[in-house]
Amino acid sequence: MEDPLYKVIIEEESKRKDILRIFFKNYLKLIEKYCDFYTIDDVVFATVYRSKKFDNQFIYKLQLYYRISKSIGISKIIGIRKFFRGVSILMKMSSTWIDDLVESEYSHIDMIATELSCRGQGYLSSLFEAIIHEDEVYTIETHNIINTKIYEKYGFELVRQIELKNTELIQYCMIRVT
């Protein structure tokens, strides 16, 4: 819940949890065909998008717009203008940067979440041990500068920063080549 991206998209903290519940339900439905899901002791969770599972850009776009339409219920909570503002921000702060920098197959580590009370106890190391294999390209992005230092410990290098105009939000784009 403390991801700076969601704080910018959903400014009203009291509504953020309900909105994210709807959003993630639809987002996970969208990506389930393209991702592997990982969890360690129900404490840390991640999805890993595999580019080799991604076969048709057009079909994916159709599914994306369908899932956006399924999330329209969020507008009942925050209004239609704020709903489309949030969709616009998500599109701008997406993973499209990867296509500019990676020409081979890759795995994109998406949506890492760790229980607050369990941070700093080695769960992320266990997660990366399960996910990362040699001779593969991995990408990850974060909106929290502190996370870049953590990911650097696992071999990721910062390759791009994307700023969202009129906000302090920055997306830090990282690649790990083994």
N, C-alpha and C. Protein backbone atom coordinates (compact mmCIF):
# COMPACT_ATOMS: atom_id res chain seq x y z
N MET A 1 0.81 -1.21 0.00
CA MET A 1 0.00 0.00 0.00
C MET A 1 0.85 1.27 0.00
N GLU A 2 2.13 1.15 0.35
CA GLU A 2 2.91 2.36 0.44
C GLU A 2 3.66 2.70 -0.85
N ASP A 3 3.38 2.02 -1.93
CA ASP A 3 4.01 2.32 -3.21
C ASP A 3 3.66 3.74 -3.63
N PRO A 4 4.68 4.57 -3.92
CA PRO A 4 4.41 5.95 -4.32
C PRO A 4 3.49 6.07 -5.53
N LEU A 5 3.53 5.09 -6.44
CA LEU A 5 2.66 5.12 -7.61
C LEU A 5 1.19 5.16 -7.19
N TYR A 6 0.81 4.31 -6.25
CA TYR A 6 -0.59 4.26 -5.84
C TYR A 6 -1.00 5.47 -5.02
N LYS A 7 -0.03 6.08 -4.34
CA LYS A 7 -0.32 7.32 -3.62
C LYS A 7 -0.64 8.45 -4.58
N VAL A 8 0.04 8.48 -5.73
CA VAL A 8 -0.22 9.50 -6.74
C VAL A 8 -1.54 9.22 -7.45
N ILE A 9 -1.78 7.96 -7.78
CA ILE A 9 -3.01 7.61 -8.51
C ILE A 9 -4.24 7.79 -7.63
N ILE A 10 -4.15 7.33 -6.38
CA ILE A 10 -5.29 7.37 -5.45
C ILE A 10 -4.88 8.26 -4.28
N GLU A 11 -5.16 9.53 -4.42
CA GLU A 11 -4.72 10.51 -3.44
C GLU A 11 -5.41 10.35 -2.09
N GLU A 12 -6.65 9.89 -2.10
CA GLU A 12 -7.41 9.76 -0.85
C GLU A 12 -7.07 8.44 -0.18
N GLU A 13 -6.27 8.51 0.86
CA GLU A 13 -5.79 7.31 1.54
C GLU A 13 -6.93 6.43 2.05
N SER A 14 -8.02 7.03 2.51
CA SER A 14 -9.13 6.27 3.06
C SER A 14 -9.80 5.37 2.02
N LYS A 15 -9.63 5.69 0.73
CA LYS A 15 -10.26 4.91 -0.34
C LYS A 15 -9.27 3.98 -1.05
N ARG A 16 -7.98 4.15 -0.78
CA ARG A 16 -6.94 3.44 -1.52
C ARG A 16 -7.07 1.92 -1.42
N LYS A 17 -7.31 1.39 -0.24
CA LYS A 17 -7.37 -0.05 -0.05
C LYS A 17 -8.51 -0.68 -0.85
N ASP A 18 -9.69 -0.09 -0.81
CA ASP A 18 -10.83 -0.63 -1.56
C ASP A 18 -10.59 -0.57 -3.06
N ILE A 19 -10.00 0.53 -3.51
CA ILE A 19 -9.74 0.69 -4.94
C ILE A 19 -8.68 -0.31 -5.41
N LEU A 20 -7.62 -0.46 -4.63
CA LEU A 20 -6.56 -1.40 -5.02
C LEU A 20 -7.05 -2.84 -5.02
N ARG A 21 -7.97 -3.17 -4.15
CA ARG A 21 -8.54 -4.52 -4.14
C ARG A 21 -9.23 -4.81 -5.49
N ILE A 22 -10.02 -3.86 -5.97
CA ILE A 22 -10.69 -4.03 -7.27
C ILE A 22 -9.66 -4.06 -8.40
N PHE A 23 -8.73 -3.13 -8.35
CA PHE A 23 -7.71 -3.05 -9.40
C PHE A 23 -6.92 -4.34 -9.50
N PHE A 24 -6.38 -4.82 -8.38
CA PHE A 24 -5.52 -6.00 -8.43
C PHE A 24 -6.29 -7.26 -8.81
N LYS A 25 -7.53 -7.35 -8.44
CA LYS A 25 -8.35 -8.49 -8.86
C LYS A 25 -8.39 -8.56 -10.39
N ASN A 26 -8.61 -7.43 -11.03
CA ASN A 26 -8.68 -7.40 -12.49
C ASN A 26 -7.30 -7.49 -13.13
N TYR A 27 -6.31 -6.88 -12.52
CA TYR A 27 -4.96 -6.94 -13.07
C TYR A 27 -4.43 -8.37 -13.05
N LEU A 28 -4.62 -9.07 -11.96
CA LEU A 28 -4.15 -10.45 -11.87
C LEU A 28 -4.87 -11.36 -12.88
N LYS A 29 -6.13 -11.10 -13.12
CA LYS A 29 -6.86 -11.85 -14.16
C LYS A 29 -6.25 -11.60 -15.53
N LEU A 30 -5.84 -10.36 -15.78
CA LEU A 30 -5.23 -10.00 -17.06
C LEU A 30 -3.90 -10.72 -17.27
N ILE A 31 -3.06 -10.73 -16.26
CA ILE A 31 -1.69 -11.22 -16.45
C ILE A 31 -1.50 -12.70 -16.15
N GLU A 32 -2.52 -13.38 -15.62
CA GLU A 32 -2.31 -14.76 -15.18
C GLU A 32 -1.83 -15.68 -16.29
N LYS A 33 -2.22 -15.43 -17.52
CA LYS A 33 -1.80 -16.27 -18.65
C LYS A 33 -0.32 -16.07 -18.97
N TYR A 34 0.23 -14.91 -18.64
CA TYR A 34 1.58 -14.54 -19.03
C TYR A 34 2.59 -14.63 -17.90
N CYS A 35 2.13 -14.93 -16.70
CA CYS A 35 3.00 -14.84 -15.52
C CYS A 35 3.11 -16.15 -14.76
N ASP A 36 4.17 -16.21 -13.99
CA ASP A 36 4.31 -17.22 -12.95
C ASP A 36 4.15 -16.47 -11.63
N PHE A 37 3.54 -17.13 -10.67
CA PHE A 37 3.30 -16.51 -9.37
C PHE A 37 4.19 -17.19 -8.33
N TYR A 38 4.80 -16.39 -7.46
CA TYR A 38 5.69 -16.89 -6.43
C TYR A 38 5.27 -16.35 -5.08
N THR A 39 5.42 -17.18 -4.07
CA THR A 39 5.22 -16.72 -2.70
C THR A 39 6.15 -17.52 -1.79
N ILE A 40 6.62 -16.88 -0.77
CA ILE A 40 7.47 -17.53 0.24
C ILE A 40 6.76 -17.37 1.58
N ASP A 41 6.30 -18.48 2.14
CA ASP A 41 5.66 -18.50 3.47
C ASP A 41 4.52 -17.49 3.60
N ASP A 42 3.84 -17.17 2.52
CA ASP A 42 2.75 -16.18 2.53
C ASP A 42 3.19 -14.83 3.09
N VAL A 43 4.49 -14.55 3.03
CA VAL A 43 5.03 -13.30 3.56
C VAL A 43 5.45 -12.38 2.42
N VAL A 44 6.02 -12.95 1.38
CA VAL A 44 6.45 -12.17 0.22
C VAL A 44 5.82 -12.79 -1.02
N PHE A 45 5.43 -11.93 -1.96
CA PHE A 45 4.70 -12.35 -3.14
C PHE A 45 5.26 -11.61 -4.35
N ALA A 46 5.31 -12.30 -5.48
CA ALA A 46 5.72 -11.63 -6.72
C ALA A 46 5.08 -12.32 -7.91
N THR A 47 4.88 -11.55 -8.96
CA THR A 47 4.51 -12.12 -10.25
C THR A 47 5.69 -11.90 -11.18
N VAL A 48 5.92 -12.87 -12.05
CA VAL A 48 7.01 -12.77 -13.01
C VAL A 48 6.43 -13.01 -14.40
N TYR A 49 6.44 -11.95 -15.18
CA TYR A 49 5.95 -11.98 -16.56
C TYR A 49 7.04 -12.58 -17.43
N ARG A 50 6.69 -13.58 -18.22
CA ARG A 50 7.65 -14.24 -19.10
C ARG A 50 7.36 -13.83 -20.54
N SER A 51 8.29 -13.14 -21.18
CA SER A 51 8.05 -12.64 -22.53
C SER A 51 7.78 -13.78 -23.51
N LYS A 52 8.34 -14.97 -23.27
CA LYS A 52 8.11 -16.07 -24.20
C LYS A 52 6.66 -16.57 -24.14
N LYS A 53 5.92 -16.24 -23.09
CA LYS A 53 4.51 -16.62 -23.00
C LYS A 53 3.61 -15.61 -23.70
N PHE A 54 4.19 -14.49 -24.07
CA PHE A 54 3.44 -13.39 -24.66
C PHE A 54 3.44 -13.57 -26.16
N ASP A 55 2.30 -13.96 -26.71
CA ASP A 55 2.29 -14.33 -28.12
C ASP A 55 1.63 -13.32 -29.05
N ASN A 56 0.73 -12.49 -28.55
CA ASN A 56 -0.01 -11.63 -29.46
C ASN A 56 -0.33 -10.29 -28.79
N GLN A 57 0.33 -9.25 -29.25
CA GLN A 57 0.15 -7.91 -28.68
C GLN A 57 -1.29 -7.42 -28.82
N PHE A 58 -1.92 -7.70 -29.95
CA PHE A 58 -3.29 -7.24 -30.19
C PHE A 58 -4.26 -7.87 -29.19
N ILE A 59 -4.14 -9.17 -28.98
CA ILE A 59 -5.02 -9.87 -28.03
C ILE A 59 -4.79 -9.32 -26.62
N TYR A 60 -3.53 -9.10 -26.27
CA TYR A 60 -3.23 -8.55 -24.95
C TYR A 60 -3.89 -7.19 -24.77
N LYS A 61 -3.80 -6.33 -25.77
CA LYS A 61 -4.42 -4.99 -25.69
C LYS A 61 -5.94 -5.11 -25.52
N LEU A 62 -6.55 -6.01 -26.25
CA LEU A 62 -7.99 -6.23 -26.08
C LEU A 62 -8.31 -6.66 -24.66
N GLN A 63 -7.53 -7.59 -24.14
CA GLN A 63 -7.74 -8.07 -22.77
C GLN A 63 -7.51 -6.93 -21.77
N LEU A 64 -6.51 -6.10 -22.03
CA LEU A 64 -6.23 -4.97 -21.16
C LEU A 64 -7.43 -4.03 -21.09
N TYR A 65 -7.97 -3.65 -22.24
CA TYR A 65 -9.11 -2.74 -22.26
C TYR A 65 -10.36 -3.38 -21.64
N TYR A 66 -10.50 -4.68 -21.81
CA TYR A 66 -11.61 -5.39 -21.16
C TYR A 66 -11.47 -5.30 -19.64
N ARG A 67 -10.25 -5.53 -19.14
CA ARG A 67 -10.02 -5.48 -17.69
C ARG A 67 -10.19 -4.07 -17.15
N ILE A 68 -9.83 -3.07 -17.94
CA ILE A 68 -10.07 -1.68 -17.52
C ILE A 68 -11.57 -1.45 -17.39
N SER A 69 -12.33 -1.95 -18.36
CA SER A 69 -13.79 -1.79 -18.29
C SER A 69 -14.37 -2.52 -17.08
N LYS A 70 -13.78 -3.66 -16.71
CA LYS A 70 -14.25 -4.40 -15.53
C LYS A 70 -13.91 -3.66 -14.24
N SER A 71 -12.97 -2.72 -14.30
CA SER A 71 -12.58 -1.95 -13.13
C SER A 71 -13.35 -0.64 -13.02
N ILE A 72 -14.26 -0.41 -13.91
CA ILE A 72 -14.99 0.87 -13.94
C ILE A 72 -15.75 1.12 -12.63
N GLY A 73 -16.01 0.06 -11.87
CA GLY A 73 -16.66 0.21 -10.57
C GLY A 73 -15.88 1.10 -9.62
N ILE A 74 -14.60 1.24 -9.87
CA ILE A 74 -13.77 2.14 -9.06
C ILE A 74 -14.31 3.57 -9.16
N SER A 75 -14.88 3.92 -10.30
CA SER A 75 -15.38 5.29 -10.49
C SER A 75 -16.52 5.61 -9.53
N LYS A 76 -17.20 4.58 -9.02
CA LYS A 76 -18.24 4.83 -8.02
C LYS A 76 -17.63 5.30 -6.70
N ILE A 77 -16.37 4.95 -6.49
CA ILE A 77 -15.68 5.33 -5.26
C ILE A 77 -15.01 6.69 -5.39
N ILE A 78 -14.39 6.94 -6.55
CA ILE A 78 -13.59 8.17 -6.70
C ILE A 78 -14.08 9.10 -7.81
N GLY A 79 -15.05 8.67 -8.58
CA GLY A 79 -15.53 9.51 -9.69
C GLY A 79 -14.87 9.12 -11.00
N ILE A 80 -15.54 9.39 -12.10
CA ILE A 80 -15.07 8.95 -13.41
C ILE A 80 -13.80 9.69 -13.83
N ARG A 81 -13.71 10.98 -13.52
CA ARG A 81 -12.52 11.76 -13.90
C ARG A 81 -11.27 11.20 -13.23
N LYS A 82 -11.34 10.91 -11.94
CA LYS A 82 -10.19 10.37 -11.22
C LYS A 82 -9.87 8.94 -11.68
N PHE A 83 -10.91 8.19 -12.06
CA PHE A 83 -10.68 6.84 -12.58
C PHE A 83 -9.82 6.90 -13.84
N PHE A 84 -10.21 7.75 -14.80
CA PHE A 84 -9.46 7.83 -16.05
C PHE A 84 -8.10 8.50 -15.85
N ARG A 85 -7.99 9.38 -14.87
CA ARG A 85 -6.68 9.94 -14.52
C ARG A 85 -5.76 8.81 -14.06
N GLY A 86 -6.27 7.92 -13.23
CA GLY A 86 -5.49 6.78 -12.74
C GLY A 86 -5.07 5.85 -13.87
N VAL A 87 -5.99 5.57 -14.79
CA VAL A 87 -5.67 4.72 -15.94
C VAL A 87 -4.57 5.39 -16.77
N SER A 88 -4.68 6.69 -16.97
CA SER A 88 -3.68 7.43 -17.74
C SER A 88 -2.31 7.34 -17.08
N ILE A 89 -2.25 7.49 -15.78
CA ILE A 89 -0.97 7.40 -15.06
C ILE A 89 -0.39 5.99 -15.20
N LEU A 90 -1.23 4.97 -15.05
CA LEU A 90 -0.74 3.60 -15.20
C LEU A 90 -0.16 3.36 -16.59
N MET A 91 -0.78 3.91 -17.61
CA MET A 91 -0.28 3.74 -18.97
C MET A 91 1.08 4.45 -19.15
N LYS A 92 1.22 5.62 -18.54
CA LYS A 92 2.48 6.36 -18.66
C LYS A 92 3.60 5.70 -17.87
N MET A 93 3.26 5.10 -16.74
CA MET A 93 4.27 4.49 -15.88
C MET A 93 4.27 2.97 -16.05
N SER A 94 4.10 2.52 -17.27
CA SER A 94 4.02 1.09 -17.55
C SER A 94 5.40 0.51 -17.81
N SER A 95 5.44 -0.71 -18.27
CA SER A 95 6.71 -1.40 -18.55
C SER A 95 7.10 -1.33 -20.02
N THR A 96 6.55 -0.39 -20.76
CA THR A 96 6.87 -0.31 -22.19
C THR A 96 8.33 0.05 -22.44
N TRP A 97 9.01 0.62 -21.46
CA TRP A 97 10.44 0.94 -21.58
C TRP A 97 11.26 -0.29 -21.92
N ILE A 98 10.80 -1.47 -21.52
CA ILE A 98 11.56 -2.70 -21.74
C ILE A 98 11.77 -2.94 -23.23
N ASP A 99 10.75 -2.69 -24.04
CA ASP A 99 10.87 -2.92 -25.48
C ASP A 99 11.96 -2.07 -26.11
N ASP A 100 12.25 -0.91 -25.53
CA ASP A 100 13.30 -0.03 -26.05
C ASP A 100 14.70 -0.57 -25.73
N LEU A 101 14.82 -1.35 -24.66
CA LEU A 101 16.15 -1.71 -24.16
C LEU A 101 16.50 -3.19 -24.24
N VAL A 102 15.50 -4.05 -24.38
CA VAL A 102 15.75 -5.49 -24.37
C VAL A 102 15.27 -6.09 -25.69
N GLU A 103 16.18 -6.72 -26.40
CA GLU A 103 15.83 -7.32 -27.69
C GLU A 103 15.57 -8.81 -27.61
N SER A 104 16.01 -9.44 -26.53
CA SER A 104 15.86 -10.89 -26.38
C SER A 104 14.65 -11.20 -25.49
N GLU A 105 14.41 -12.49 -25.29
CA GLU A 105 13.39 -12.89 -24.32
C GLU A 105 13.84 -12.44 -22.94
N TYR A 106 12.88 -12.16 -22.09
CA TYR A 106 13.21 -11.67 -20.76
C TYR A 106 12.11 -12.08 -19.79
N SER A 107 12.41 -11.91 -18.53
CA SER A 107 11.43 -12.10 -17.46
C SER A 107 11.33 -10.79 -16.70
N HIS A 108 10.11 -10.31 -16.53
CA HIS A 108 9.89 -9.04 -15.83
C HIS A 108 9.30 -9.34 -14.46
N ILE A 109 10.03 -8.97 -13.43
CA ILE A 109 9.55 -9.19 -12.06
C ILE A 109 8.61 -8.04 -11.73
N ASP A 110 7.39 -8.39 -11.43
CA ASP A 110 6.32 -7.40 -11.24
C ASP A 110 5.67 -7.63 -9.88
N MET A 111 5.22 -6.58 -9.29
CA MET A 111 4.41 -6.63 -8.07
C MET A 111 5.04 -7.43 -6.93
N ILE A 112 6.17 -7.01 -6.46
CA ILE A 112 6.75 -7.62 -5.26
C ILE A 112 6.08 -6.98 -4.04
N ALA A 113 5.61 -7.81 -3.15
CA ALA A 113 4.99 -7.31 -1.92
C ALA A 113 5.50 -8.15 -0.75
N THR A 114 5.92 -7.47 0.31
CA THR A 114 6.41 -8.15 1.51
C THR A 114 5.66 -7.59 2.71
N GLU A 115 5.22 -8.48 3.59
CA GLU A 115 4.59 -8.05 4.84
C GLU A 115 5.53 -7.08 5.56
N LEU A 116 4.99 -5.97 6.01
CA LEU A 116 5.82 -4.96 6.68
C LEU A 116 6.61 -5.54 7.85
N SER A 117 5.97 -6.37 8.65
CA SER A 117 6.62 -6.90 9.85
C SER A 117 7.72 -7.91 9.53
N CYS A 118 7.81 -8.35 8.29
CA CYS A 118 8.77 -9.38 7.90
C CYS A 118 9.91 -8.85 7.03
N ARG A 119 9.94 -7.57 6.79
CA ARG A 119 11.00 -7.00 5.95
C ARG A 119 12.34 -7.09 6.67
N GLY A 120 13.39 -7.29 5.87
CA GLY A 120 14.74 -7.38 6.41
C GLY A 120 15.07 -8.73 7.02
N GLN A 121 14.25 -9.75 6.75
CA GLN A 121 14.47 -11.07 7.34
C GLN A 121 14.87 -12.12 6.31
N GLY A 122 15.25 -11.69 5.10
CA GLY A 122 15.76 -12.63 4.09
C GLY A 122 14.72 -13.20 3.15
N TYR A 123 13.47 -12.79 3.28
CA TYR A 123 12.43 -13.34 2.39
C TYR A 123 12.63 -12.93 0.94
N LEU A 124 13.09 -11.71 0.70
CA LEU A 124 13.33 -11.28 -0.67
C LEU A 124 14.46 -12.09 -1.30
N SER A 125 15.49 -12.39 -0.52
CA SER A 125 16.57 -13.24 -1.03
C SER A 125 16.04 -14.60 -1.44
N SER A 126 15.20 -15.18 -0.62
CA SER A 126 14.60 -16.48 -0.95
C SER A 126 13.74 -16.39 -2.20
N LEU A 127 13.02 -15.31 -2.32
CA LEU A 127 12.17 -15.11 -3.50
C LEU A 127 13.03 -15.01 -4.76
N PHE A 128 14.08 -14.19 -4.73
CA PHE A 128 14.94 -14.05 -5.90
C PHE A 128 15.66 -15.35 -6.22
N GLU A 129 16.03 -16.13 -5.21
CA GLU A 129 16.65 -17.44 -5.47
C GLU A 129 15.69 -18.34 -6.24
N ALA A 130 14.41 -18.25 -5.95
CA ALA A 130 13.42 -19.07 -6.66
C ALA A 130 13.14 -18.56 -8.07
N ILE A 131 13.24 -17.27 -8.26
CA ILE A 131 12.88 -16.66 -9.54
C ILE A 131 14.03 -16.61 -10.53
N ILE A 132 15.18 -16.15 -10.09
CA ILE A 132 16.28 -15.82 -10.99
C ILE A 132 17.10 -17.06 -11.34
N HIS A 133 17.28 -17.24 -12.64
CA HIS A 133 18.10 -18.34 -13.17
C HIS A 133 19.20 -17.72 -14.03
N GLU A 134 20.30 -18.39 -14.12
CA GLU A 134 21.41 -17.88 -14.94
C GLU A 134 21.01 -17.88 -16.41
N ASP A 135 21.74 -17.11 -17.18
CA ASP A 135 21.55 -17.01 -18.63
C ASP A 135 20.18 -16.48 -19.03
N GLU A 136 19.62 -15.62 -18.21
CA GLU A 136 18.35 -14.98 -18.55
C GLU A 136 18.46 -13.48 -18.28
N VAL A 137 17.64 -12.72 -18.95
CA VAL A 137 17.55 -11.29 -18.74
C VAL A 137 16.33 -11.02 -17.86
N TYR A 138 16.52 -10.22 -16.82
CA TYR A 138 15.43 -9.87 -15.91
C TYR A 138 15.28 -8.36 -15.87
N THR A 139 14.05 -7.92 -15.78
CA THR A 139 13.75 -6.50 -15.64
C THR A 139 12.89 -6.31 -14.40
N ILE A 140 12.98 -5.13 -13.85
CA ILE A 140 12.17 -4.78 -12.69
C ILE A 140 12.06 -3.26 -12.66
N GLU A 141 11.01 -2.77 -12.10
CA GLU A 141 10.89 -1.32 -11.92
C GLU A 141 10.29 -1.06 -10.54
N THR A 142 10.61 0.12 -10.05
CA THR A 142 10.10 0.53 -8.75
C THR A 142 9.87 2.04 -8.78
N HIS A 143 9.06 2.50 -7.88
CA HIS A 143 8.81 3.93 -7.75
C HIS A 143 9.40 4.45 -6.43
N ASN A 144 10.18 3.60 -5.80
CA ASN A 144 10.78 3.92 -4.51
C ASN A 144 12.29 3.82 -4.65
N ILE A 145 12.99 4.94 -4.54
CA ILE A 145 14.45 4.97 -4.72
C ILE A 145 15.17 4.01 -3.79
N ILE A 146 14.64 3.79 -2.60
CA ILE A 146 15.26 2.86 -1.64
C ILE A 146 15.32 1.45 -2.22
N ASN A 147 14.30 1.06 -2.97
CA ASN A 147 14.28 -0.28 -3.56
C ASN A 147 15.40 -0.49 -4.57
N THR A 148 15.83 0.58 -5.24
CA THR A 148 16.90 0.41 -6.24
C THR A 148 18.17 -0.12 -5.59
N LYS A 149 18.47 0.36 -4.40
CA LYS A 149 19.66 -0.12 -3.68
C LYS A 149 19.52 -1.58 -3.31
N ILE A 150 18.33 -1.99 -2.95
CA ILE A 150 18.09 -3.40 -2.62
C ILE A 150 18.25 -4.26 -3.86
N TYR A 151 17.65 -3.85 -4.98
CA TYR A 151 17.73 -4.64 -6.21
C TYR A 151 19.14 -4.69 -6.78
N GLU A 152 19.93 -3.64 -6.55
CA GLU A 152 21.32 -3.65 -7.00
C GLU A 152 22.11 -4.78 -6.34
N LYS A 153 21.76 -5.13 -5.10
CA LYS A 153 22.42 -6.23 -4.40
C LYS A 153 22.21 -7.56 -5.11
N TYR A 154 21.16 -7.64 -5.93
CA TYR A 154 20.84 -8.87 -6.66
C TYR A 154 21.24 -8.77 -8.13
N GLY A 155 22.08 -7.80 -8.45
CA GLY A 155 22.64 -7.69 -9.78
C GLY A 155 21.89 -6.81 -10.76
N PHE A 156 20.86 -6.12 -10.32
CA PHE A 156 20.12 -5.22 -11.21
C PHE A 156 20.86 -3.89 -11.33
N GLU A 157 20.80 -3.32 -12.55
CA GLU A 157 21.41 -2.01 -12.80
C GLU A 157 20.32 -1.04 -13.25
N LEU A 158 20.39 0.16 -12.74
CA LEU A 158 19.46 1.22 -13.13
C LEU A 158 19.80 1.65 -14.56
N VAL A 159 18.80 1.58 -15.46
CA VAL A 159 19.04 1.91 -16.86
C VAL A 159 18.21 3.09 -17.36
N ARG A 160 17.16 3.43 -16.63
CA ARG A 160 16.31 4.54 -17.06
C ARG A 160 15.49 5.04 -15.88
N GLN A 161 15.18 6.34 -15.93
CA GLN A 161 14.25 6.94 -14.98
C GLN A 161 13.17 7.63 -15.79
N ILE A 162 11.94 7.37 -15.42
CA ILE A 162 10.80 7.99 -16.10
C ILE A 162 10.07 8.85 -15.09
N GLU A 163 9.96 10.14 -15.39
CA GLU A 163 9.29 11.06 -14.48
C GLU A 163 7.87 11.32 -14.95
N LEU A 164 6.95 11.36 -14.01
CA LEU A 164 5.56 11.71 -14.31
C LEU A 164 5.41 13.21 -14.14
N LYS A 165 5.05 13.88 -15.21
CA LYS A 165 4.94 15.34 -15.19
C LYS A 165 4.00 15.82 -14.09
N ASN A 166 4.34 16.95 -13.52
CA ASN A 166 3.55 17.64 -12.50
C ASN A 166 3.43 16.85 -11.19
N THR A 167 4.32 15.87 -11.00
CA THR A 167 4.36 15.12 -9.73
C THR A 167 5.82 14.90 -9.37
N GLU A 168 6.05 14.33 -8.21
CA GLU A 168 7.40 13.94 -7.81
C GLU A 168 7.66 12.47 -8.11
N LEU A 169 6.72 11.80 -8.78
CA LEU A 169 6.82 10.37 -9.04
C LEU A 169 7.87 10.08 -10.12
N ILE A 170 8.75 9.14 -9.81
CA ILE A 170 9.77 8.68 -10.74
C ILE A 170 9.71 7.16 -10.78
N GLN A 171 9.75 6.61 -11.97
CA GLN A 171 9.84 5.16 -12.13
C GLN A 171 11.29 4.82 -12.43
N TYR A 172 11.87 3.98 -11.60
CA TYR A 172 13.26 3.54 -11.75
C TYR A 172 13.25 2.19 -12.45
N CYS A 173 13.82 2.14 -13.65
CA CYS A 173 13.79 0.96 -14.50
C CYS A 173 15.15 0.26 -14.41
N MET A 174 15.13 -1.05 -14.14
CA MET A 174 16.37 -1.78 -13.88
C MET A 174 16.41 -3.07 -14.69
N ILE A 175 17.63 -3.48 -15.05
CA ILE A 175 17.84 -4.71 -15.80
C ILE A 175 18.95 -5.52 -15.13
N ARG A 176 18.77 -6.84 -15.15
CA ARG A 176 19.81 -7.76 -14.67
C ARG A 176 20.09 -8.73 -15.82
N VAL A 177 21.31 -8.70 -16.31
CA VAL A 177 21.74 -9.62 -17.37
C VAL A 177 22.73 -10.58 -16.75
N THR A 178 22.48 -11.88 -16.91
CA THR A 178 23.41 -12.87 -16.32
C THR A 178 24.27 -13.50 -17.39
